[in-house]
């Protein structure tokens, strides 16, 4: 663009200092004075986005504005959700935890984590969407991924990640776990659909996928529910058998010498506590008693049900649990729910048993034989686990049943009753805070729901190698780590409760169910925030951000395609998208 005293252009210079390359973009005017060409710097453009600098350079190079129709949008790449997720990954400190220096492998793992949140899919499908030519997001452009990316490159990056798992988990533990902290631990499983490996075994299937082998994995979280470490076990590993490895990891790998481990009653059994916790200095636990242990305490008189006429929490001691504190809780709402469910299961079982009675009494082809009758009855009473509540009479030509009223009444007396057990002294953790710590296990269960359902889709698993399965599970945990930070920052516009302090203030007792805060209830009712924006689920929020695109625009400079120049123009964000980006502290 010539001026009266010269031409204005963009000059780019590069210099290297201590191994780092510094690039500077200057707006300059060139002019001739005394027969010599001189340059005058008008401004520094280095702080501007690269696409804007390129646009300025192109426009200054043209003597006249481009004619009408010379602009064309070559590609529109969804961009807003990439900015949000990639920005959260970097702000959480996860990127330097993966590797302290930039590398191709770190960029590929960052891309896999972002894609797991944006569009969870197989590695083959992911490799295709990360190619710039076939990209469905702006992620390849943002991370400058190689143009010849293949599925093999992603698998090699996963192998690279698995070798660094211990190091990454140490960094996360150093950030989120302190000496003497509470650590939440729980176990889940996922079914397998690929070729069998050593990890994949048949076991207790939590997903209800009968006939499918599975893997088991244990997740360690901070008291706030932030994931710190995950470990994969063989599919037939019992929950208590995963505990020793986690204790060793906490004390040896993470160097946390004083820790209180919180686990559920099915995992932290009395036998496991005796083997792993007893007489170990600095190692305490919080768990709960099974129903049969509670029944024994009631029968022995250690628990007096009259204690709960006016209160819902009482601390007791029992010679059966020496050195432990037992905190007995009575939740009336839970009692009503259990009674309702029991009555429904009893009624459903009786309806099917009545059909067997009629089958033995029909005139044509009646059901005969103790074996045949017994097999059919066995399937029915075991379907809802109601066999203990019925007295059955099976003969060669008839069948009868009746409820065990006394046994049902004895079980109903314990409805809503649960007992927290702990080795933590009361001067360190009060009864209320002990119950609160155990209830915080719901945060680990929430992590499992996010990892296994629509958010991250850890399953189905198709990998054929044990190490690839481990890397896949670890990658999903890192994706949830980013999601946890995103949910925390975006809570005001998600259906998540963003004012837990107000909710706890309304809670009559720690035993009572956690209520929603007034602000959260208002969001639930009108589906909008106080400033008029729509309330989102995590998925719909990412989908809304995805409509903010990075458009590749081409300026045709002549008759040949080689002379065309491309640059990027962003879609103008809506007010709602700007609000989301402000909450995240992200900029376009």
Protein backbone atom coordinates (compact mmCIF):
# COMPACT_ATOMS: atom_id res chain seq x y z
CA UNK A 1 0.00 0.00 0.00
CA UNK A 2 2.07 2.95 -1.19
CA UNK A 3 1.88 6.29 0.61
CA UNK A 4 3.06 9.72 -0.43
CA UNK A 5 6.36 9.21 1.37
CA UNK A 6 6.83 5.45 0.88
CA UNK A 7 5.22 1.99 1.23
CA UNK A 8 3.92 0.41 4.42
CA UNK A 9 4.51 -3.31 4.96
CA UNK A 10 4.90 -5.97 7.65
CA UNK A 11 8.47 -7.06 8.36
CA UNK A 12 9.12 -10.30 10.23
CA UNK A 13 12.43 -11.00 11.96
CA UNK A 14 13.63 -14.05 13.89
CA UNK A 15 16.47 -14.29 16.38
CA UNK A 16 17.72 -17.09 18.58
CA UNK A 17 18.70 -16.55 22.20
CA UNK A 18 19.77 -19.39 24.50
CA UNK A 19 18.26 -21.97 22.18
CA UNK A 20 14.85 -20.26 21.97
CA UNK A 21 13.56 -18.61 18.79
CA UNK A 22 11.94 -15.16 19.15
CA UNK A 23 9.78 -13.89 16.26
CA UNK A 24 8.93 -10.20 15.87
CA UNK A 25 6.39 -8.67 13.49
CA UNK A 26 6.88 -4.93 12.85
CA UNK A 27 4.73 -2.50 10.86
CA UNK A 28 7.23 -0.49 8.80
CA UNK A 29 7.31 2.29 6.21
CA UNK A 30 9.97 2.16 3.51
CA UNK A 31 11.15 5.38 1.85
CA UNK A 32 14.09 6.70 -0.16
CA UNK A 33 16.29 9.50 1.13
CA UNK A 34 19.48 10.78 -0.53
CA UNK A 35 19.41 7.81 -2.87
CA UNK A 36 19.22 5.29 -0.06
CA UNK A 37 16.30 3.07 1.03
CA UNK A 38 15.44 3.56 4.69
CA UNK A 39 12.85 1.98 7.02
CA UNK A 40 10.76 3.58 9.74
CA UNK A 41 9.03 1.37 12.37
CA UNK A 42 5.45 2.45 12.91
CA UNK A 43 4.38 -0.22 15.43
CA UNK A 44 4.92 -3.69 16.85
CA UNK A 45 2.32 -6.27 15.76
CA UNK A 46 3.82 -9.26 17.60
CA UNK A 47 1.05 -9.29 20.19
CA UNK A 48 -1.64 -9.82 17.55
CA UNK A 49 -2.94 -13.28 16.55
CA UNK A 50 -0.99 -14.85 13.65
CA UNK A 51 -4.04 -14.95 11.37
CA UNK A 52 -4.63 -11.22 11.89
CA UNK A 53 -0.97 -10.42 11.16
CA UNK A 54 -1.24 -12.45 7.96
CA UNK A 55 -4.40 -10.59 6.97
CA UNK A 56 -2.67 -7.20 7.53
CA UNK A 57 0.33 -8.36 5.49
CA UNK A 58 -1.89 -9.46 2.61
CA UNK A 59 -3.95 -6.29 2.56
CA UNK A 60 -0.88 -4.07 2.63
CA UNK A 61 0.59 -6.01 -0.28
CA UNK A 62 -2.43 -5.18 -2.50
CA UNK A 63 -2.52 -1.84 -4.24
CA UNK A 64 -6.29 -1.96 -4.59
CA UNK A 65 -8.99 -3.72 -2.56
CA UNK A 66 -9.91 -7.16 -3.87
CA UNK A 67 -12.86 -7.12 -6.32
CA UNK A 68 -16.28 -8.33 -5.27
CA UNK A 69 -16.49 -12.11 -5.10
CA UNK A 70 -12.75 -12.64 -4.56
CA UNK A 71 -13.38 -13.85 -0.99
CA UNK A 72 -14.50 -17.42 -0.41
CA UNK A 73 -14.85 -19.48 2.77
CA UNK A 74 -12.89 -22.65 2.14
CA UNK A 75 -13.57 -24.42 5.45
CA UNK A 76 -15.41 -23.77 8.73
CA UNK A 77 -13.85 -25.58 11.68
CA UNK A 78 -15.73 -25.74 15.02
CA UNK A 79 -13.44 -23.84 17.36
CA UNK A 80 -15.06 -22.62 20.59
CA UNK A 81 -15.07 -25.97 22.40
CA UNK A 82 -11.41 -26.49 21.42
CA UNK A 83 -10.51 -23.14 23.00
CA UNK A 84 -12.41 -24.07 26.17
CA UNK A 85 -11.05 -27.60 26.64
CA UNK A 86 -7.50 -26.95 25.48
CA UNK A 87 -7.38 -23.83 27.64
CA UNK A 88 -8.61 -25.78 30.68
CA UNK A 89 -5.98 -28.46 30.05
CA UNK A 90 -3.24 -25.83 30.08
CA UNK A 91 -4.57 -23.81 33.02
CA UNK A 92 -4.88 -26.96 35.14
CA UNK A 93 -1.14 -27.55 34.79
CA UNK A 94 -1.66 -30.88 33.06
CA UNK A 95 0.37 -30.00 29.97
CA UNK A 96 3.72 -29.55 31.82
CA UNK A 97 2.83 -32.60 33.93
CA UNK A 98 2.74 -34.67 30.73
CA UNK A 99 6.21 -33.44 29.76
CA UNK A 100 8.20 -30.43 30.89
CA UNK A 101 9.23 -29.57 27.33
CA UNK A 102 7.15 -29.32 24.16
CA UNK A 103 7.27 -32.42 22.03
CA UNK A 104 5.34 -34.15 19.29
CA UNK A 105 4.16 -36.85 21.70
CA UNK A 106 2.91 -34.29 24.24
CA UNK A 107 0.90 -32.52 21.56
CA UNK A 108 -0.63 -35.80 20.40
CA UNK A 109 -1.63 -36.77 23.96
CA UNK A 110 -3.11 -33.30 24.49
CA UNK A 111 -5.06 -33.80 21.26
CA UNK A 112 -6.32 -37.22 22.43
CA UNK A 113 -7.44 -35.75 25.75
CA UNK A 114 -9.27 -32.87 24.06
CA UNK A 115 -10.91 -35.19 21.55
CA UNK A 116 -11.98 -37.57 24.32
CA UNK A 117 -13.97 -34.67 25.79
CA UNK A 118 -15.23 -33.18 22.54
CA UNK A 119 -16.01 -36.32 20.53
CA UNK A 120 -15.05 -39.63 22.18
CA UNK A 121 -14.44 -42.25 19.51
CA UNK A 122 -12.00 -44.94 18.41
CA UNK A 123 -8.34 -44.15 17.73
CA UNK A 124 -8.85 -44.78 14.01
CA UNK A 125 -11.72 -42.28 13.84
CA UNK A 126 -9.75 -39.84 16.00
CA UNK A 127 -6.71 -40.00 13.73
CA UNK A 128 -8.90 -39.09 10.75
CA UNK A 129 -10.52 -36.15 12.51
CA UNK A 130 -7.08 -34.86 13.54
CA UNK A 131 -5.88 -34.64 9.94
CA UNK A 132 -6.11 -31.03 8.80
CA UNK A 133 -7.54 -32.08 5.44
CA UNK A 134 -10.41 -34.01 7.08
CA UNK A 135 -10.55 -32.21 10.43
CA UNK A 136 -13.88 -31.67 12.13
CA UNK A 137 -12.45 -29.18 14.67
CA UNK A 138 -9.75 -26.52 14.74
CA UNK A 139 -7.60 -28.68 17.04
CA UNK A 140 -5.06 -29.70 14.34
CA UNK A 141 -4.54 -26.04 13.49
CA UNK A 142 -4.20 -25.00 17.15
CA UNK A 143 -1.66 -27.71 17.98
CA UNK A 144 0.09 -27.63 14.55
CA UNK A 145 -0.31 -31.39 14.23
CA UNK A 146 1.51 -33.19 11.38
CA UNK A 147 -0.37 -33.42 8.10
CA UNK A 148 0.44 -37.13 7.69
CA UNK A 149 -0.91 -38.21 11.09
CA UNK A 150 -1.93 -41.88 11.28
CA UNK A 151 -3.53 -44.23 13.78
CA UNK A 152 -0.08 -45.71 14.44
CA UNK A 153 1.17 -42.30 15.61
CA UNK A 154 -1.61 -42.18 18.21
CA UNK A 155 -0.79 -45.67 19.46
CA UNK A 156 2.86 -44.74 19.80
CA UNK A 157 1.86 -41.62 21.74
CA UNK A 158 -0.23 -43.83 24.08
CA UNK A 159 2.82 -46.06 24.65
CA UNK A 160 4.81 -42.91 25.42
CA UNK A 161 2.13 -41.81 27.89
CA UNK A 162 2.01 -45.14 29.74
CA UNK A 163 5.77 -45.03 30.38
CA UNK A 164 5.25 -41.67 32.11
CA UNK A 165 2.15 -42.60 34.10
CA UNK A 166 3.96 -42.93 37.45
CA UNK A 167 5.71 -39.58 36.94
CA UNK A 168 2.49 -37.80 35.93
CA UNK A 169 0.57 -39.25 38.88
CA UNK A 170 3.33 -38.12 41.28
CA UNK A 171 2.95 -34.57 39.97
CA UNK A 172 -0.84 -34.66 40.33
CA UNK A 173 -0.56 -36.13 43.84
CA UNK A 174 1.96 -33.46 44.82
CA UNK A 175 -0.51 -30.81 43.72
CA UNK A 176 -3.71 -32.23 45.23
CA UNK A 177 -2.65 -34.43 48.18
CA UNK A 178 -0.93 -33.24 51.32
CA UNK A 179 0.44 -35.16 54.27
CA UNK A 180 -2.43 -36.15 56.57
CA UNK A 181 -5.09 -35.68 53.89
CA UNK A 182 -8.20 -37.70 53.17
CA UNK A 183 -7.97 -39.84 50.03
CA UNK A 184 -11.10 -41.23 48.36
CA UNK A 185 -10.82 -44.64 46.72
CA UNK A 186 -13.31 -46.78 44.84
CA UNK A 187 -13.36 -49.51 42.21
CA UNK A 188 -15.35 -50.00 39.02
CA UNK A 189 -15.19 -52.16 35.90
CA UNK A 190 -15.82 -51.96 32.16
CA UNK A 191 -16.73 -54.66 29.70
CA UNK A 192 -14.44 -55.68 26.85
CA UNK A 193 -15.24 -56.30 23.19
CA UNK A 194 -11.81 -56.81 21.60
CA UNK A 195 -9.45 -59.75 21.45
CA UNK A 196 -8.80 -61.39 24.81
CA UNK A 197 -5.72 -60.32 26.81
CA UNK A 198 -4.37 -61.28 30.22
CA UNK A 199 -6.13 -58.35 31.89
CA UNK A 200 -9.53 -59.30 30.54
CA UNK A 201 -11.33 -61.87 32.68
CA UNK A 202 -14.87 -62.77 33.64
CA UNK A 203 -15.93 -61.26 36.97
CA UNK A 204 -18.64 -59.33 38.76
CA UNK A 205 -20.03 -57.20 35.94
CA UNK A 206 -21.32 -53.81 37.15
CA UNK A 207 -22.53 -52.91 33.66
CA UNK A 208 -25.04 -55.76 33.43
CA UNK A 209 -23.30 -57.16 30.33
CA UNK A 210 -23.74 -60.87 30.90
CA UNK A 211 -21.31 -63.10 29.06
CA UNK A 212 -18.83 -60.25 28.48
CA UNK A 213 -15.33 -60.30 30.01
CA UNK A 214 -14.11 -57.14 31.69
CA UNK A 215 -11.33 -55.18 33.34
CA UNK A 216 -11.31 -53.69 36.84
CA UNK A 217 -9.79 -50.32 37.75
CA UNK A 218 -9.34 -48.42 41.01
CA UNK A 219 -9.45 -44.62 41.16
CA UNK A 220 -7.77 -42.42 43.79
CA UNK A 221 -9.22 -38.93 44.26
CA UNK A 222 -8.56 -35.90 46.41
CA UNK A 223 -11.14 -34.94 49.09
CA UNK A 224 -12.74 -32.64 46.49
CA UNK A 225 -13.13 -35.51 44.01
CA UNK A 226 -10.28 -34.49 41.69
CA UNK A 227 -8.72 -37.64 40.15
CA UNK A 228 -5.09 -38.26 40.99
CA UNK A 229 -4.23 -41.84 39.98
CA UNK A 230 -5.81 -44.91 38.42
CA UNK A 231 -4.71 -48.53 38.20
CA UNK A 232 -6.03 -51.36 36.05
CA UNK A 233 -6.48 -54.89 37.41
CA UNK A 234 -7.55 -58.19 35.94
CA UNK A 235 -11.28 -58.51 35.43
CA UNK A 236 -11.76 -61.18 38.12
CA UNK A 237 -9.95 -59.20 40.85
CA UNK A 238 -12.08 -58.75 43.99
CA UNK A 239 -12.42 -55.20 45.28
CA UNK A 240 -10.52 -55.83 48.57
CA UNK A 241 -7.55 -57.27 46.63
CA UNK A 242 -6.93 -53.89 44.96
CA UNK A 243 -6.38 -52.09 48.25
CA UNK A 244 -2.78 -53.09 49.04
CA UNK A 245 -1.48 -51.68 45.74
CA UNK A 246 -3.11 -48.30 46.45
CA UNK A 247 -1.67 -48.07 49.96
CA UNK A 248 1.77 -48.83 48.58
CA UNK A 249 1.33 -46.20 45.88
CA UNK A 250 0.27 -43.54 48.40
CA UNK A 251 3.12 -44.15 50.83
CA UNK A 252 5.99 -45.10 48.55
CA UNK A 253 5.32 -43.51 45.17
CA UNK A 254 3.53 -40.35 46.38
CA UNK A 255 5.49 -40.07 49.67
CA UNK A 256 2.35 -39.36 51.70
CA UNK A 257 3.24 -40.80 55.10
CA UNK A 258 0.09 -39.78 56.98
CA UNK A 259 -3.13 -40.55 55.14
CA UNK A 260 -6.77 -41.39 55.85
CA UNK A 261 -8.11 -43.73 53.17
CA UNK A 262 -11.88 -43.64 52.59
CA UNK A 263 -13.41 -46.72 50.96
CA UNK A 264 -16.73 -48.51 50.82
CA UNK A 265 -17.78 -51.48 52.96
CA UNK A 266 -17.38 -54.03 50.18
CA UNK A 267 -13.71 -53.19 49.74
CA UNK A 268 -12.46 -52.33 53.24
CA UNK A 269 -13.52 -55.51 54.98
CA UNK A 270 -12.45 -56.44 58.50
CA UNK A 271 -9.95 -58.95 57.14
CA UNK A 272 -8.44 -56.41 54.76
CA UNK A 273 -8.24 -53.79 57.49
CA UNK A 274 -6.45 -56.25 59.78
CA UNK A 275 -3.96 -57.13 57.05
CA UNK A 276 -3.25 -53.65 55.66
CA UNK A 277 -4.01 -51.04 58.34
CA UNK A 278 -3.57 -52.45 61.83
CA UNK A 279 -0.52 -51.15 63.68
CA UNK A 280 0.70 -49.17 60.66
CA UNK A 281 1.72 -45.73 61.87
CA UNK A 282 0.22 -42.82 59.96
CA UNK A 283 -2.31 -45.00 58.12
CA UNK A 284 -5.99 -44.62 59.07
CA UNK A 285 -9.25 -45.52 57.39
CA UNK A 286 -12.93 -44.64 57.13
CA UNK A 287 -15.41 -47.25 55.93
CA UNK A 288 -18.78 -48.76 56.88
CA UNK A 289 -20.17 -52.01 58.30
CA UNK A 290 -22.07 -54.62 56.33
CA UNK A 291 -25.71 -55.38 57.13
CA UNK A 292 -24.88 -58.65 58.93
CA UNK A 293 -22.43 -56.85 61.26
CA UNK A 294 -25.06 -54.21 62.04
CA UNK A 295 -27.56 -56.96 62.86
CA UNK A 296 -25.08 -58.51 65.30
CA UNK A 297 -24.56 -55.16 67.04
CA UNK A 298 -28.33 -54.73 67.42
CA UNK A 299 -28.74 -58.27 68.73
CA UNK A 300 -25.89 -57.78 71.24
CA UNK A 301 -27.48 -54.55 72.52
CA UNK A 302 -24.61 -52.35 71.36
CA UNK A 303 -27.08 -50.38 69.22
CA UNK A 304 -30.25 -49.27 70.96
CA UNK A 305 -32.83 -48.27 68.37
CA UNK A 306 -34.43 -45.96 70.94
CA UNK A 307 -31.34 -43.74 70.61
CA UNK A 308 -32.75 -42.45 67.34
CA UNK A 309 -36.13 -41.30 68.59
CA UNK A 310 -34.88 -37.71 68.84
CA UNK A 311 -31.58 -37.71 66.92
CA UNK A 312 -30.13 -39.33 63.83
CA UNK A 313 -26.48 -39.86 64.84
CA UNK A 314 -24.79 -41.55 67.78
CA UNK A 315 -21.25 -42.74 68.43
CA UNK A 316 -20.76 -46.11 70.12
CA UNK A 317 -18.05 -48.65 70.89
CA UNK A 318 -18.05 -52.41 70.65
CA UNK A 319 -15.61 -55.10 71.85
CA UNK A 320 -15.98 -56.68 68.40
CA UNK A 321 -14.20 -53.64 66.91
CA UNK A 322 -11.40 -52.75 69.34
CA UNK A 323 -9.70 -49.41 68.83
CA UNK A 324 -12.36 -48.22 66.38
CA UNK A 325 -15.03 -45.57 66.52
CA UNK A 326 -18.48 -46.64 65.34
CA UNK A 327 -20.82 -43.85 64.25
CA UNK A 328 -24.41 -45.05 63.89
CA UNK A 329 -26.68 -43.04 61.57
CA UNK A 330 -30.45 -43.27 61.03
CA UNK A 331 -31.89 -41.75 57.86
CA UNK A 332 -35.73 -41.80 57.79
CA UNK A 333 -35.87 -41.03 54.06
CA UNK A 334 -33.55 -43.92 53.33
CA UNK A 335 -35.67 -46.15 55.58
CA UNK A 336 -38.82 -45.26 53.62
CA UNK A 337 -37.08 -45.95 50.32
CA UNK A 338 -35.79 -49.34 51.42
CA UNK A 339 -39.21 -50.32 52.77
CA UNK A 340 -40.86 -49.30 49.51
CA UNK A 341 -38.35 -51.24 47.44
CA UNK A 342 -38.66 -54.35 49.63
CA UNK A 343 -42.44 -54.34 49.36
CA UNK A 344 -42.25 -53.99 45.58
CA UNK A 345 -39.79 -56.89 45.28
CA UNK A 346 -41.89 -59.07 47.58
CA UNK A 347 -45.00 -58.31 45.55
CA UNK A 348 -43.22 -59.00 42.25
CA UNK A 349 -41.89 -62.31 43.58
CA UNK A 350 -45.30 -63.38 44.90
CA UNK A 351 -46.93 -62.64 41.54
CA UNK A 352 -44.53 -65.04 39.82
CA UNK A 353 -44.86 -67.65 42.58
CA UNK A 354 -48.64 -67.53 42.19
CA UNK A 355 -48.16 -68.47 38.56
CA UNK A 356 -46.24 -71.59 39.68
CA UNK A 357 -49.04 -72.48 42.11
CA UNK A 358 -51.58 -72.24 39.28
CA UNK A 359 -49.34 -74.32 37.03
CA UNK A 360 -49.43 -77.19 39.54
CA UNK A 361 -53.25 -76.98 39.79
CA UNK A 362 -54.25 -76.71 36.13
CA UNK A 363 -56.29 -79.57 34.68
CA UNK A 364 -54.33 -79.95 31.46
CA UNK A 365 -50.62 -80.80 31.60
CA UNK A 366 -50.05 -79.71 35.22
CA UNK A 367 -46.55 -79.02 36.53
CA UNK A 368 -45.33 -82.12 38.37
CA UNK A 369 -42.17 -83.31 40.08
CA UNK A 370 -40.19 -81.75 42.93
CA UNK A 371 -37.20 -81.21 40.64
CA UNK A 372 -39.14 -79.35 37.95
CA UNK A 373 -41.10 -77.27 40.48
CA UNK A 374 -37.95 -76.54 42.48
CA UNK A 375 -36.01 -75.32 39.42
CA UNK A 376 -38.74 -72.89 38.42
CA UNK A 377 -39.23 -71.61 41.97
CA UNK A 378 -35.48 -71.22 42.45
CA UNK A 379 -35.18 -68.98 39.42
CA UNK A 380 -38.00 -66.78 40.69
CA UNK A 381 -36.89 -66.28 44.31
CA UNK A 382 -33.27 -65.68 43.29
CA UNK A 383 -34.18 -63.16 40.60
CA UNK A 384 -34.95 -60.45 43.18
CA UNK A 385 -32.91 -62.03 46.02
CA UNK A 386 -36.05 -62.63 48.07
CA UNK A 387 -35.49 -66.33 48.94
CA UNK A 388 -34.64 -65.46 52.56
CA UNK A 389 -38.09 -63.92 53.07
CA UNK A 390 -40.20 -66.91 51.95
CA UNK A 391 -40.93 -70.32 53.41
CA UNK A 392 -41.42 -72.74 50.49
CA UNK A 393 -43.27 -76.07 50.43
CA UNK A 394 -42.51 -78.20 47.37
CA UNK A 395 -44.10 -81.62 46.84
CA UNK A 396 -44.47 -83.87 43.81
CA UNK A 397 -47.87 -82.47 42.87
CA UNK A 398 -48.20 -79.17 44.65
CA UNK A 399 -46.42 -75.99 45.69
CA UNK A 400 -47.15 -73.45 48.43
CA UNK A 401 -45.37 -70.50 50.00
CA UNK A 402 -45.75 -67.90 52.73
CA UNK A 403 -43.85 -64.89 53.91
CA UNK A 404 -41.50 -65.07 56.92
CA UNK A 405 -43.13 -62.20 58.74
CA UNK A 406 -40.73 -62.17 61.70
CA UNK A 407 -37.63 -62.09 59.50
CA UNK A 408 -39.08 -59.34 57.30
CA UNK A 409 -39.94 -57.29 60.40
CA UNK A 410 -36.42 -57.77 61.82
CA UNK A 411 -34.87 -56.54 58.58
CA UNK A 412 -37.33 -53.63 58.37
CA UNK A 413 -36.27 -52.50 61.86
CA UNK A 414 -32.81 -51.79 60.44
CA UNK A 415 -34.04 -49.81 57.46
CA UNK A 416 -32.21 -46.50 57.12
CA UNK A 417 -29.57 -47.59 59.64
CA UNK A 418 -25.89 -47.56 58.65
CA UNK A 419 -22.68 -47.55 60.67
CA UNK A 420 -19.47 -45.72 59.78
CA UNK A 421 -16.28 -47.26 61.20
CA UNK A 422 -12.99 -45.43 61.50
CA UNK A 423 -9.63 -45.48 63.23
CA UNK A 424 -9.29 -41.68 63.19
CA UNK A 425 -9.41 -40.18 66.75
CA UNK A 426 -12.32 -37.87 67.56
CA UNK A 427 -9.96 -34.96 68.29
CA UNK A 428 -8.79 -35.16 64.67
CA UNK A 429 -12.14 -35.79 62.96
CA UNK A 430 -15.53 -35.23 64.57
CA UNK A 431 -18.43 -37.64 64.09
CA UNK A 432 -20.12 -35.29 61.61
CA UNK A 433 -16.95 -34.80 59.56
CA UNK A 434 -16.33 -38.56 59.55
CA UNK A 435 -19.78 -39.18 58.08
CA UNK A 436 -19.21 -36.35 55.59
CA UNK A 437 -15.90 -37.91 54.50
CA UNK A 438 -17.57 -41.26 53.85
CA UNK A 439 -20.40 -39.63 51.90
CA UNK A 440 -17.79 -37.92 49.72
CA UNK A 441 -17.26 -41.29 48.04
CA UNK A 442 -20.17 -40.18 45.86
CA UNK A 443 -17.64 -37.89 44.13
CA UNK A 444 -15.67 -40.93 42.98
CA UNK A 445 -18.89 -42.55 41.79
CA UNK A 446 -19.61 -39.40 39.81
CA UNK A 447 -16.17 -39.69 38.22
CA UNK A 448 -17.00 -43.24 37.16
CA UNK A 449 -20.33 -42.12 35.69
CA UNK A 450 -18.61 -39.42 33.63
CA UNK A 451 -15.88 -41.80 32.45
CA UNK A 452 -18.22 -44.65 31.55
CA UNK A 453 -21.20 -42.85 30.00
CA UNK A 454 -21.75 -40.15 27.41
CA UNK A 455 -19.03 -37.75 28.60
CA UNK A 456 -15.88 -39.82 28.02
CA UNK A 457 -17.01 -43.31 26.96
CA UNK A 458 -14.24 -45.43 28.40
CA UNK A 459 -16.16 -48.41 27.05
CA UNK A 460 -16.44 -50.41 24.88
CA UNK A 461 -12.74 -51.31 24.88
CA UNK A 462 -11.28 -52.78 21.70
CA UNK A 463 -7.49 -52.71 22.37
CA UNK A 464 -5.70 -56.03 22.03
CA UNK A 465 -2.65 -55.35 24.25
CA UNK A 466 -2.62 -55.05 28.04
CA UNK A 467 -0.50 -51.90 27.98
CA UNK A 468 -2.79 -50.25 25.44
CA UNK A 469 -5.76 -50.96 27.71
CA UNK A 470 -3.88 -49.39 30.63
CA UNK A 471 -2.96 -46.37 28.51
CA UNK A 472 -6.57 -46.00 27.34
CA UNK A 473 -7.91 -46.02 30.91
CA UNK A 474 -5.22 -43.56 32.05
CA UNK A 475 -6.06 -41.28 29.11
CA UNK A 476 -9.72 -41.29 30.15
CA UNK A 477 -8.72 -40.40 33.71
CA UNK A 478 -6.68 -37.43 32.44
CA UNK A 479 -9.68 -36.35 30.35
CA UNK A 480 -11.84 -36.43 33.47
CA UNK A 481 -9.15 -34.39 35.26
CA UNK A 482 -9.72 -31.66 32.65
CA UNK A 483 -13.50 -32.10 32.85
CA UNK A 484 -13.36 -31.73 36.65
CA UNK A 485 -11.68 -28.33 36.28
CA UNK A 486 -14.11 -27.31 33.55
CA UNK A 487 -17.14 -28.24 35.67
CA UNK A 488 -15.75 -26.33 38.64
CA UNK A 489 -15.25 -23.16 36.60
CA UNK A 490 -18.50 -23.45 34.65
CA UNK A 491 -20.74 -24.52 37.55
CA UNK A 492 -22.80 -21.25 37.49
CA UNK A 493 -24.15 -22.06 34.00
CA UNK A 494 -24.31 -25.86 34.37
CA UNK A 495 -26.98 -27.78 36.25
CA UNK A 496 -24.26 -28.52 38.85
CA UNK A 497 -24.78 -26.88 42.24
CA UNK A 498 -22.41 -23.89 42.32
CA UNK A 499 -23.23 -22.76 45.88
CA UNK A 500 -22.56 -25.76 48.10
CA UNK A 501 -21.95 -23.53 51.13
CA UNK A 502 -25.54 -22.29 50.99
CA UNK A 503 -26.79 -25.85 50.52
CA UNK A 504 -24.88 -27.07 53.58
CA UNK A 505 -26.29 -24.17 55.61
CA UNK A 506 -29.82 -25.47 54.88
CA UNK A 507 -28.93 -29.05 55.76
CA UNK A 508 -30.49 -30.00 59.11
CA UNK A 509 -27.97 -32.79 59.74
CA UNK A 510 -25.05 -34.46 58.01
CA UNK A 511 -27.14 -37.67 57.96
CA UNK A 512 -29.88 -35.98 55.93
CA UNK A 513 -29.56 -36.02 52.13
CA UNK A 514 -27.58 -33.14 50.69
CA UNK A 515 -30.06 -30.49 49.48
CA UNK A 516 -29.71 -28.28 46.43
CA UNK A 517 -28.85 -24.67 47.17
CA UNK A 518 -31.51 -21.97 46.50
CA UNK A 519 -29.55 -20.82 43.45
CA UNK A 520 -29.37 -24.36 42.06
CA UNK A 521 -33.09 -24.91 42.66
CA UNK A 522 -33.83 -21.70 40.78
CA UNK A 523 -31.75 -22.94 37.84
CA UNK A 524 -33.59 -26.26 37.89
CA UNK A 525 -36.98 -24.55 37.86
CA UNK A 526 -36.60 -21.92 35.15
CA UNK A 527 -33.70 -23.51 33.22
CA UNK A 528 -31.99 -20.10 33.04
CA UNK A 529 -29.42 -18.25 35.12
CA UNK A 530 -30.19 -15.00 36.91
CA UNK A 531 -28.67 -13.02 34.01
CA UNK A 532 -30.95 -14.70 31.47
CA UNK A 533 -28.63 -17.28 29.90
CA UNK A 534 -29.72 -20.87 29.33
CA UNK A 535 -28.49 -23.49 31.79
CA UNK A 536 -26.57 -26.31 30.12
CA UNK A 537 -25.51 -29.85 30.69
CA UNK A 538 -21.82 -30.44 30.07
CA UNK A 539 -22.53 -31.94 26.64
CA UNK A 540 -24.87 -29.21 25.40
CA UNK A 541 -22.44 -26.53 26.57
CA UNK A 542 -19.63 -28.00 24.45
CA UNK A 543 -22.02 -28.33 21.52
CA UNK A 544 -22.98 -24.66 21.83
CA UNK A 545 -19.33 -23.60 21.94
CA UNK A 546 -18.69 -25.73 18.87
CA UNK A 547 -20.85 -23.41 16.77
CA UNK A 548 -18.17 -20.74 17.21
CA UNK A 549 -16.06 -21.52 14.14
CA UNK A 550 -12.64 -20.74 12.78
CA UNK A 551 -13.26 -20.01 9.11
CA UNK A 552 -10.54 -20.43 6.51
CA UNK A 553 -11.01 -17.58 4.02
CA UNK A 554 -9.28 -17.45 0.64
CA UNK A 555 -8.48 -14.36 -1.41
CA UNK A 556 -8.14 -15.12 -5.11
CA UNK A 557 -5.28 -13.02 -6.51
CA UNK A 558 -5.33 -14.19 -10.08
CA UNK A 559 -6.47 -16.88 -12.37
CA UNK A 560 -4.30 -19.62 -10.80
CA UNK A 561 -4.95 -21.42 -7.53
CA UNK A 562 -1.28 -21.08 -6.57
CA UNK A 563 -1.66 -17.32 -6.32
CA UNK A 564 -4.52 -17.57 -3.80
CA UNK A 565 -3.82 -16.66 -0.16
CA UNK A 566 -5.65 -18.08 2.90
CA UNK A 567 -6.27 -16.59 6.33
CA UNK A 568 -8.60 -17.32 9.26
CA UNK A 569 -11.60 -15.32 10.45
CA UNK A 570 -13.48 -16.25 13.63
CA UNK A 571 -17.24 -16.37 13.92
CA UNK A 572 -18.49 -13.57 16.13
CA UNK A 573 -19.27 -15.13 19.53
CA UNK A 574 -22.73 -14.76 21.00
CA UNK A 575 -23.26 -13.12 24.38
CA UNK A 576 -23.71 -16.55 25.91
CA UNK A 577 -20.47 -17.83 24.42
CA UNK A 578 -18.64 -14.74 25.67
CA UNK A 579 -20.02 -15.43 29.16
CA UNK A 580 -18.72 -19.02 29.01
CA UNK A 581 -15.28 -17.91 27.86
CA UNK A 582 -15.12 -15.26 30.61
CA UNK A 583 -15.87 -17.89 33.26
CA UNK A 584 -13.01 -19.97 31.88
CA UNK A 585 -10.65 -17.02 31.59
CA UNK A 586 -10.18 -17.98 27.93
CA UNK A 587 -9.66 -15.66 24.99
CA UNK A 588 -10.11 -16.22 21.27
